[in-house]
Protein backbone atom coordinates (compact mmCIF):
# COMPACT_ATOMS: atom_id res chain seq x y z
CA MET A 1 -0.20 0.02 -0.13
CA SER A 2 1.43 3.35 -0.95
CA GLU A 3 1.65 6.09 1.63
CA THR A 4 -0.81 8.22 0.08
CA ASN A 5 -3.32 5.15 0.14
CA PHE A 6 -2.71 4.48 3.47
CA LEU A 7 -2.85 8.37 4.78
CA ALA A 8 -6.00 7.73 2.78
CA GLN A 9 -7.74 4.91 4.97
CA ILE A 10 -6.60 6.87 8.03
CA ALA A 11 -8.57 9.97 7.17
CA GLU A 12 -11.00 7.87 6.87
CA LYS A 13 -11.40 5.48 9.48
CA LYS A 14 -9.60 8.20 12.14
CA ILE A 15 -7.74 5.68 13.92
CA VAL A 16 -5.36 2.72 13.98
CA PRO A 17 -5.56 0.34 16.63
CA VAL A 18 -2.21 0.26 18.47
CA VAL A 19 -1.94 -3.75 19.82
CA LYS A 20 0.64 -5.40 22.11
CA LEU A 21 -0.12 -8.84 21.99
CA ASP A 22 1.93 -11.59 24.34
CA TYR A 23 0.66 -14.65 22.35
CA ALA A 24 0.33 -14.71 18.68
CA ASP A 25 -2.90 -17.19 18.82
CA GLN A 26 -4.77 -13.82 19.89
CA ALA A 27 -4.00 -12.53 16.44
CA GLN A 28 -6.92 -14.37 14.48
CA PRO A 29 -9.41 -13.39 17.02
CA LEU A 30 -8.38 -9.63 17.18
CA GLY A 31 -7.91 -9.48 13.22
CA GLU A 32 -11.58 -11.20 12.96
CA ALA A 33 -13.11 -8.42 15.49
CA LEU A 34 -11.42 -5.47 13.84
CA CYS A 35 -12.62 -6.49 10.36
CA SER A 36 -16.03 -7.09 11.42
CA GLY A 37 -16.21 -4.07 13.14
CA GLY A 38 -15.45 -2.09 9.49
CA LEU A 39 -11.61 -1.29 11.06
CA PRO A 40 -9.74 -3.45 9.23
CA VAL A 41 -6.36 -1.99 10.04
CA ALA A 42 -3.91 -2.20 13.12
CA GLU A 43 -0.33 -1.44 14.38
CA ILE A 44 1.13 -4.65 16.23
CA THR A 45 3.63 -3.62 18.57
CA PHE A 46 7.79 -5.10 18.73
CA ARG A 47 7.21 -5.20 22.78
CA THR A 48 6.74 -8.57 22.46
CA ASP A 49 7.80 -12.28 20.88
CA ALA A 50 4.12 -12.49 19.60
CA ALA A 51 4.53 -9.47 16.99
CA GLU A 52 6.16 -11.02 14.16
CA GLU A 53 4.35 -14.01 14.24
CA SER A 54 1.32 -11.93 14.79
CA ILE A 55 1.65 -9.98 11.92
CA LYS A 56 2.11 -12.95 9.64
CA THR A 57 -1.34 -14.30 11.02
CA MET A 58 -3.20 -11.25 10.42
CA LYS A 59 -1.96 -10.93 6.99
CA LYS A 60 -2.65 -14.68 6.27
CA GLU A 61 -6.08 -14.79 7.48
CA PHE A 62 -7.31 -11.15 6.50
CA PRO A 63 -5.28 -10.17 3.43
CA GLU A 64 -8.09 -7.05 3.13
CA MET A 65 -6.31 -5.55 6.42
CA THR A 66 -3.31 -3.03 6.31
CA VAL A 67 -1.31 -4.46 9.37
CA GLY A 68 1.88 -2.32 10.47
CA ALA A 69 4.60 -3.04 12.84
CA GLY A 70 4.83 -0.59 15.96
CA THR A 71 7.72 0.24 18.46
CA VAL A 72 10.33 -0.12 15.76
CA VAL A 73 13.69 0.53 17.27
CA ASN A 74 16.43 -0.62 14.66
CA ALA A 75 16.56 -1.80 10.95
CA GLU A 76 16.59 -5.30 11.97
CA GLN A 77 13.35 -5.64 13.45
CA ALA A 78 12.04 -3.06 10.78
CA LYS A 79 13.16 -6.23 8.58
CA ARG A 80 11.58 -8.92 10.26
CA ALA A 81 8.46 -6.73 10.27
CA VAL A 82 8.63 -6.29 6.63
CA ASP A 83 9.16 -9.70 5.83
CA ALA A 84 6.34 -10.80 8.25
CA GLY A 85 3.81 -8.31 5.71
CA ALA A 86 3.56 -4.96 7.90
CA ALA A 87 2.48 -2.42 5.45
CA PHE A 88 3.81 0.73 8.01
CA LEU A 89 6.44 1.18 10.60
CA VAL A 90 6.28 2.99 13.16
CA SER A 91 9.28 3.91 15.61
CA PRO A 92 9.03 5.50 19.31
CA GLY A 93 11.48 8.46 18.43
CA ILE A 94 13.92 9.33 15.65
CA SER A 95 16.26 6.33 13.76
CA ARG A 96 17.36 7.34 10.65
CA PRO A 97 18.40 3.58 9.65
CA VAL A 98 14.19 3.16 10.80
CA ILE A 99 13.66 5.58 8.00
CA GLU A 100 15.87 4.74 5.65
CA PHE A 101 15.19 1.54 5.41
CA ALA A 102 11.26 1.88 5.35
CA LEU A 103 11.86 4.71 2.38
CA ASP A 104 14.51 2.13 0.62
CA ASN A 105 11.23 -0.42 0.50
CA HIS A 106 8.41 2.24 0.03
CA LEU A 107 6.89 2.16 3.20
CA PRO A 108 4.83 4.73 5.16
CA VAL A 109 7.18 5.19 8.26
CA PHE A 110 6.04 7.63 11.60
CA PRO A 111 8.80 8.21 13.94
CA GLY A 112 7.88 9.55 16.83
CA ILE A 113 8.97 13.20 17.47
CA CYS A 114 8.95 15.82 20.21
CA THR A 115 12.01 18.31 19.39
CA PRO A 116 12.38 21.15 16.87
CA SER A 117 15.49 19.29 15.87
CA GLU A 118 13.58 15.92 15.08
CA VAL A 119 10.95 17.65 13.35
CA MET A 120 13.96 19.11 11.26
CA ILE A 121 15.43 15.47 10.67
CA ALA A 122 11.75 14.20 9.81
CA MET A 123 11.71 16.83 7.20
CA GLU A 124 14.95 16.64 5.77
CA TYR A 125 13.40 12.77 4.87
CA GLY A 126 10.10 14.16 3.23
CA LEU A 127 8.01 13.03 5.89
CA PRO A 128 4.70 13.89 5.74
CA VAL A 129 3.60 12.79 9.24
């Protein structure tokens, strides 16, 4: 999914559920509930060992879902997330390797930003959000 299409979907739905799954077997019922409720999008945080498998499960069981990875703190996690099927990346702060990996792979990336210097770094990369 292109960044423009993803941002349009978010503008339409107004929300992206941010989910921390402790067990990969929680992904299928969550995906079913989100899709049934008309919200086929989720950010699965990489704060647990279940994240990678959860993304794979959601993408396999619900191909219409837009599933992304959150709390991505390095390029290795970014690669694992994309290999699992993540369509976008969210990091808790500015990480040039994560941003560059996402841009090289044509993925939307949303770093956490809170200082003017971080805003300037995001602008250097042309990040719209």
